[in-house]
């Protein structure tokens, strides 16, 4: 697994702040570019472990993720 294979080329985020519940909800899309010379089967994204993840999709299909 090549952790350096991808570059993020675009973020498209929609954030909703709920101060009363001390909650921040974000939905969005990221676009990745494969900078490796070989095809990649996995994208490794290191995002805060203190967040609660509900789902990850690619082209409207649920993806497996490890939290």
PDB file of N, CA and C in Angstrom:
ATOM      1  N   UNK A   1       0.853  -1.172   0.000  1.00  0.00           N
ATOM      2  CA  UNK A   1       0.000   0.000   0.000  1.00  0.00           C
ATOM      3  C   UNK A   1       0.902   1.239   0.000  1.00  0.00           C
ATOM      4  N   UNK A   2       0.701   2.096  -0.971  1.00  0.00           N
ATOM      5  CA  UNK A   2       1.520   3.303  -1.119  1.00  0.00           C
ATOM      6  C   UNK A   2       0.777   4.493  -0.527  1.00  0.00           C
ATOM      7  N   UNK A   3       1.186   4.925   0.649  1.00  0.00           N
ATOM      8  CA  UNK A   3       0.519   6.042   1.331  1.00  0.00           C
ATOM      9  C   UNK A   3       0.766   7.379   0.650  1.00  0.00           C
ATOM     10  N   UNK A   4       1.726   7.427  -0.258  1.00  0.00           N
ATOM     11  CA  UNK A   4       2.055   8.672  -0.960  1.00  0.00           C
ATOM     12  C   UNK A   4       1.524   8.678  -2.391  1.00  0.00           C
ATOM     13  N   UNK A   5       0.704   7.690  -2.761  1.00  0.00           N
ATOM     14  CA  UNK A   5       0.272   7.537  -4.150  1.00  0.00           C
ATOM     15  C   UNK A   5      -0.665   8.644  -4.622  1.00  0.00           C
ATOM     16  N   UNK A   6      -1.446   9.204  -3.722  1.00  0.00           N
ATOM     17  CA  UNK A   6      -2.488  10.144  -4.134  1.00  0.00           C
ATOM     18  C   UNK A   6      -2.223  11.565  -3.659  1.00  0.00           C
ATOM     19  N   UNK A   7      -2.679  12.499  -4.464  1.00  0.00           N
ATOM     20  CA  UNK A   7      -2.756  13.911  -4.068  1.00  0.00           C
ATOM     21  C   UNK A   7      -4.222  14.301  -4.093  1.00  0.00           C
ATOM     22  N   UNK A   8      -4.642  15.093  -3.125  1.00  0.00           N
ATOM     23  CA  UNK A   8      -6.006  15.617  -3.136  1.00  0.00           C
ATOM     24  C   UNK A   8      -6.002  16.855  -4.023  1.00  0.00           C
ATOM     25  N   UNK A   9      -6.852  16.828  -5.047  1.00  0.00           N
ATOM     26  CA  UNK A   9      -6.893  17.946  -5.994  1.00  0.00           C
ATOM     27  C   UNK A   9      -8.102  18.847  -5.798  1.00  0.00           C
ATOM     28  N   UNK A  10      -9.101  18.373  -5.027  1.00  0.00           N
ATOM     29  CA  UNK A  10     -10.291  19.199  -4.820  1.00  0.00           C
ATOM     30  C   UNK A  10     -11.034  18.753  -3.562  1.00  0.00           C
ATOM     31  N   UNK A  11     -11.486  19.735  -2.802  1.00  0.00           N
ATOM     32  CA  UNK A  11     -12.397  19.521  -1.671  1.00  0.00           C
ATOM     33  C   UNK A  11     -13.710  20.213  -2.015  1.00  0.00           C
ATOM     34  N   UNK A  12     -14.826  19.546  -1.802  1.00  0.00           N
ATOM     35  CA  UNK A  12     -16.148  20.154  -1.959  1.00  0.00           C
ATOM     36  C   UNK A  12     -16.920  19.787  -0.691  1.00  0.00           C
ATOM     37  N   UNK A  13     -16.949  20.710   0.275  1.00  0.00           N
ATOM     38  CA  UNK A  13     -17.491  20.409   1.597  1.00  0.00           C
ATOM     39  C   UNK A  13     -18.704  21.269   1.919  1.00  0.00           C
ATOM     40  N   UNK A  14     -19.640  20.682   2.657  1.00  0.00           N
ATOM     41  CA  UNK A  14     -20.817  21.382   3.150  1.00  0.00           C
ATOM     42  C   UNK A  14     -20.855  21.143   4.660  1.00  0.00           C
ATOM     43  N   UNK A  15     -20.633  22.198   5.431  1.00  0.00           N
ATOM     44  CA  UNK A  15     -20.569  22.073   6.890  1.00  0.00           C
ATOM     45  C   UNK A  15     -21.811  22.671   7.538  1.00  0.00           C
ATOM     46  N   UNK A  16     -22.299  22.001   8.577  1.00  0.00           N
ATOM     47  CA  UNK A  16     -23.439  22.483   9.356  1.00  0.00           C
ATOM     48  C   UNK A  16     -23.008  22.546  10.819  1.00  0.00           C
ATOM     49  N   UNK A  17     -23.062  23.731  11.383  1.00  0.00           N
ATOM     50  CA  UNK A  17     -22.660  23.937  12.773  1.00  0.00           C
ATOM     51  C   UNK A  17     -23.906  24.008  13.642  1.00  0.00           C
ATOM     52  N   UNK A  18     -23.930  23.209  14.720  1.00  0.00           N
ATOM     53  CA  UNK A  18     -25.042  23.186  15.659  1.00  0.00           C
ATOM     54  C   UNK A  18     -24.494  23.523  17.048  1.00  0.00           C
ATOM     55  N   UNK A  19     -24.387  24.829  17.368  1.00  0.00           N
ATOM     56  CA  UNK A  19     -23.775  25.240  18.643  1.00  0.00           C
ATOM     57  C   UNK A  19     -24.481  24.675  19.873  1.00  0.00           C
ATOM     58  N   UNK A  20     -25.819  24.577  19.833  1.00  0.00           N
ATOM     59  CA  UNK A  20     -26.563  24.090  21.000  1.00  0.00           C
ATOM     60  C   UNK A  20     -26.174  22.659  21.352  1.00  0.00           C
ATOM     61  N   UNK A  21     -25.890  21.839  20.341  1.00  0.00           N
ATOM     62  CA  UNK A  21     -25.494  20.449  20.564  1.00  0.00           C
ATOM     63  C   UNK A  21     -23.974  20.286  20.576  1.00  0.00           C
ATOM     64  N   UNK A  22     -23.257  21.391  20.404  1.00  0.00           N
ATOM     65  CA  UNK A  22     -21.795  21.357  20.295  1.00  0.00           C
ATOM     66  C   UNK A  22     -21.375  20.327  19.253  1.00  0.00           C
ATOM     67  N   UNK A  23     -21.997  20.465  18.060  1.00  0.00           N
ATOM     68  CA  UNK A  23     -21.787  19.477  17.005  1.00  0.00           C
ATOM     69  C   UNK A  23     -21.478  20.167  15.685  1.00  0.00           C
ATOM     70  N   UNK A  24     -20.624  19.526  14.913  1.00  0.00           N
ATOM     71  CA  UNK A  24     -20.294  19.971  13.566  1.00  0.00           C
ATOM     72  C   UNK A  24     -20.503  18.785  12.637  1.00  0.00           C
ATOM     73  N   UNK A  25     -21.356  18.948  11.651  1.00  0.00           N
ATOM     74  CA  UNK A  25     -21.592  17.897  10.664  1.00  0.00           C
ATOM     75  C   UNK A  25     -21.057  18.347   9.314  1.00  0.00           C
ATOM     76  N   UNK A  26     -20.351  17.467   8.646  1.00  0.00           N
ATOM     77  CA  UNK A  26     -19.785  17.818   7.343  1.00  0.00           C
ATOM     78  C   UNK A  26     -20.052  16.693   6.359  1.00  0.00           C
ATOM     79  N   UNK A  27     -20.539  17.074   5.191  1.00  0.00           N
ATOM     80  CA  UNK A  27     -20.686  16.152   4.066  1.00  0.00           C
ATOM     81  C   UNK A  27     -19.826  16.717   2.965  1.00  0.00           C
ATOM     82  N   UNK A  28     -19.241  15.860   2.187  1.00  0.00           N
ATOM     83  CA  UNK A  28     -18.424  16.410   1.121  1.00  0.00           C
ATOM     84  C   UNK A  28     -17.841  15.370   0.205  1.00  0.00           C
ATOM     85  N   UNK A  29     -17.122  15.886  -0.746  1.00  0.00           N
ATOM     86  CA  UNK A  29     -16.424  15.050  -1.721  1.00  0.00           C
ATOM     87  C   UNK A  29     -14.983  15.520  -1.803  1.00  0.00           C
ATOM     88  N   UNK A  30     -14.093  14.560  -1.982  1.00  0.00           N
ATOM     89  CA  UNK A  30     -12.711  14.907  -2.285  1.00  0.00           C
ATOM     90  C   UNK A  30     -12.356  14.221  -3.599  1.00  0.00           C
ATOM     91  N   UNK A  31     -11.536  14.868  -4.366  1.00  0.00           N
ATOM     92  CA  UNK A  31     -11.066  14.302  -5.623  1.00  0.00           C
ATOM     93  C   UNK A  31      -9.586  13.983  -5.464  1.00  0.00           C
ATOM     94  N   UNK A  32      -9.234  12.742  -5.795  1.00  0.00           N
ATOM     95  CA  UNK A  32      -7.854  12.292  -5.664  1.00  0.00           C
ATOM     96  C   UNK A  32      -7.226  12.099  -7.037  1.00  0.00           C
ATOM     97  N   UNK A  33      -5.928  12.348  -7.113  1.00  0.00           N
ATOM     98  CA  UNK A  33      -5.164  12.070  -8.333  1.00  0.00           C
ATOM     99  C   UNK A  33      -4.107  11.032  -7.973  1.00  0.00           C
ATOM    100  N   UNK A  34      -4.024   9.976  -8.780  1.00  0.00           N
ATOM    101  CA  UNK A  34      -3.018   8.943  -8.567  1.00  0.00           C
ATOM    102  C   UNK A  34      -1.687   9.441  -9.124  1.00  0.00           C
ATOM    103  N   UNK A  35      -0.737   9.741  -8.242  1.00  0.00           N
ATOM    104  CA  UNK A  35       0.586  10.213  -8.645  1.00  0.00           C
ATOM    105  C   UNK A  35       1.586   9.069  -8.789  1.00  0.00           C
ATOM    106  N   UNK A  36       1.140   7.860  -8.532  1.00  0.00           N
ATOM    107  CA  UNK A  36       2.006   6.695  -8.619  1.00  0.00           C
ATOM    108  C   UNK A  36       2.092   6.219 -10.068  1.00  0.00           C
ATOM    109  N   UNK A  37       3.135   5.476 -10.372  1.00  0.00           N
ATOM    110  CA  UNK A  37       3.276   4.921 -11.722  1.00  0.00           C
ATOM    111  C   UNK A  37       2.459   3.646 -11.898  1.00  0.00           C
ATOM    112  N   UNK A  38       1.811   3.174 -10.830  1.00  0.00           N
ATOM    113  CA  UNK A  38       0.997   1.964 -10.920  1.00  0.00           C
ATOM    114  C   UNK A  38      -0.421   2.236 -10.424  1.00  0.00           C
ATOM    115  N   UNK A  39      -1.346   1.395 -10.879  1.00  0.00           N
ATOM    116  CA  UNK A  39      -2.743   1.514 -10.454  1.00  0.00           C
ATOM    117  C   UNK A  39      -2.844   1.225  -8.958  1.00  0.00           C
ATOM    118  N   UNK A  40      -3.778   1.883  -8.287  1.00  0.00           N
ATOM    119  CA  UNK A  40      -3.965   1.717  -6.847  1.00  0.00           C
ATOM    120  C   UNK A  40      -5.345   1.131  -6.575  1.00  0.00           C
ATOM    121  N   UNK A  41      -5.415   0.194  -5.626  1.00  0.00           N
ATOM    122  CA  UNK A  41      -6.693  -0.392  -5.227  1.00  0.00           C
ATOM    123  C   UNK A  41      -7.236   0.243  -3.961  1.00  0.00           C
ATOM    124  N   UNK A  42      -6.363   0.854  -3.159  1.00  0.00           N
ATOM    125  CA  UNK A  42      -6.757   1.436  -1.880  1.00  0.00           C
ATOM    126  C   UNK A  42      -6.279   2.870  -1.784  1.00  0.00           C
ATOM    127  N   UNK A  43      -7.096   3.690  -1.175  1.00  0.00           N
ATOM    128  CA  UNK A  43      -6.704   5.066  -0.870  1.00  0.00           C
ATOM    129  C   UNK A  43      -6.614   5.175   0.645  1.00  0.00           C
ATOM    130  N   UNK A  44      -5.471   5.563   1.141  1.00  0.00           N
ATOM    131  CA  UNK A  44      -5.262   5.712   2.574  1.00  0.00           C
ATOM    132  C   UNK A  44      -5.416   7.185   2.916  1.00  0.00           C
ATOM    133  N   UNK A  45      -6.426   7.493   3.721  1.00  0.00           N
ATOM    134  CA  UNK A  45      -6.673   8.860   4.152  1.00  0.00           C
ATOM    135  C   UNK A  45      -6.530   8.909   5.663  1.00  0.00           C
ATOM    136  N   UNK A  46      -5.653   9.735   6.138  1.00  0.00           N
ATOM    137  CA  UNK A  46      -5.478   9.884   7.582  1.00  0.00           C
ATOM    138  C   UNK A  46      -6.239  11.131   8.009  1.00  0.00           C
ATOM    139  N   UNK A  47      -7.379  10.899   8.630  1.00  0.00           N
ATOM    140  CA  UNK A  47      -8.254  11.979   9.067  1.00  0.00           C
ATOM    141  C   UNK A  47      -8.492  11.776  10.557  1.00  0.00           C
ATOM    142  N   UNK A  48      -8.784  12.797  11.274  1.00  0.00           N
ATOM    143  CA  UNK A  48      -8.873  12.768  12.731  1.00  0.00           C
ATOM    144  C   UNK A  48      -9.583  11.524  13.274  1.00  0.00           C
ATOM    145  N   UNK A  49      -8.927  10.859  14.208  1.00  0.00           N
ATOM    146  CA  UNK A  49      -9.518   9.676  14.836  1.00  0.00           C
ATOM    147  C   UNK A  49     -10.539  10.048  15.903  1.00  0.00           C
ATOM    148  N   UNK A  50     -10.624  11.318  16.266  1.00  0.00           N
ATOM    149  CA  UNK A  50     -11.584  11.731  17.290  1.00  0.00           C
ATOM    150  C   UNK A  50     -12.959  12.036  16.701  1.00  0.00           C
ATOM    151  N   UNK A  51     -13.098  11.933  15.382  1.00  0.00           N
ATOM    152  CA  UNK A  51     -14.382  12.194  14.736  1.00  0.00           C
ATOM    153  C   UNK A  51     -15.192  10.909  14.624  1.00  0.00           C
ATOM    154  N   UNK A  52     -16.490  11.045  14.482  1.00  0.00           N
ATOM    155  CA  UNK A  52     -17.380   9.902  14.305  1.00  0.00           C
ATOM    156  C   UNK A  52     -17.738   9.788  12.825  1.00  0.00           C
ATOM    157  N   UNK A  53     -17.332   8.699  12.190  1.00  0.00           N
ATOM    158  CA  UNK A  53     -17.577   8.494  10.764  1.00  0.00           C
ATOM    159  C   UNK A  53     -18.799   7.604  10.581  1.00  0.00           C
ATOM    160  N   UNK A  54     -19.697   8.015   9.693  1.00  0.00           N
ATOM    161  CA  UNK A  54     -20.915   7.237   9.456  1.00  0.00           C
ATOM    162  C   UNK A  54     -20.853   6.447   8.163  1.00  0.00           C
ATOM    163  N   UNK A  55     -20.260   7.000   7.118  1.00  0.00           N
ATOM    164  CA  UNK A  55     -20.148   6.264   5.862  1.00  0.00           C
ATOM    165  C   UNK A  55     -19.129   6.933   4.951  1.00  0.00           C
ATOM    166  N   UNK A  56     -18.632   6.137   4.022  1.00  0.00           N
ATOM    167  CA  UNK A  56     -17.762   6.630   2.960  1.00  0.00           C
ATOM    168  C   UNK A  56     -18.259   5.991   1.674  1.00  0.00           C
ATOM    169  N   UNK A  57     -18.436   6.806   0.648  1.00  0.00           N
ATOM    170  CA  UNK A  57     -18.939   6.318  -0.637  1.00  0.00           C
ATOM    171  C   UNK A  57     -18.029   6.767  -1.770  1.00  0.00           C
ATOM    172  N   UNK A  58     -18.036   5.986  -2.845  1.00  0.00           N
ATOM    173  CA  UNK A  58     -17.383   6.372  -4.095  1.00  0.00           C
ATOM    174  C   UNK A  58     -18.366   6.064  -5.208  1.00  0.00           C
ATOM    175  N   UNK A  59     -18.693   7.058  -5.986  1.00  0.00           N
ATOM    176  CA  UNK A  59     -19.673   6.930  -7.064  1.00  0.00           C
ATOM    177  C   UNK A  59     -20.963   6.280  -6.556  1.00  0.00           C
ATOM    178  N   UNK A  60     -21.454   6.787  -5.428  1.00  0.00           N
ATOM    179  CA  UNK A  60     -22.699   6.353  -4.784  1.00  0.00           C
ATOM    180  C   UNK A  60     -22.694   4.911  -4.281  1.00  0.00           C
ATOM    181  N   UNK A  61     -21.533   4.295  -4.151  1.00  0.00           N
ATOM    182  CA  UNK A  61     -21.440   2.945  -3.604  1.00  0.00           C
ATOM    183  C   UNK A  61     -20.729   3.006  -2.257  1.00  0.00           C
ATOM    184  N   UNK A  62     -21.305   2.317  -1.252  1.00  0.00           N
ATOM    185  CA  UNK A  62     -20.698   2.270   0.075  1.00  0.00           C
ATOM    186  C   UNK A  62     -19.330   1.604  -0.004  1.00  0.00           C
ATOM    187  N   UNK A  63     -18.362   2.172   0.681  1.00  0.00           N
ATOM    188  CA  UNK A  63     -17.022   1.597   0.748  1.00  0.00           C
ATOM    189  C   UNK A  63     -16.731   1.131   2.163  1.00  0.00           C
ATOM    190  N   UNK A  64     -15.888   0.127   2.259  1.00  0.00           N
ATOM    191  CA  UNK A  64     -15.444  -0.339   3.568  1.00  0.00           C
ATOM    192  C   UNK A  64     -14.414   0.645   4.094  1.00  0.00           C
ATOM    193  N   UNK A  65     -14.494   0.957   5.375  1.00  0.00           N
ATOM    194  CA  UNK A  65     -13.480   1.812   5.980  1.00  0.00           C
ATOM    195  C   UNK A  65     -13.158   1.322   7.377  1.00  0.00           C
ATOM    196  N   UNK A  66     -11.955   1.600   7.795  1.00  0.00           N
ATOM    197  CA  UNK A  66     -11.489   1.208   9.119  1.00  0.00           C
ATOM    198  C   UNK A  66     -11.315   2.471   9.936  1.00  0.00           C
ATOM    199  N   UNK A  67     -11.997   2.524  11.068  1.00  0.00           N
ATOM    200  CA  UNK A  67     -11.920   3.715  11.921  1.00  0.00           C
ATOM    201  C   UNK A  67     -10.949   3.483  13.047  1.00  0.00           C
TER     202      UNK A  67
END
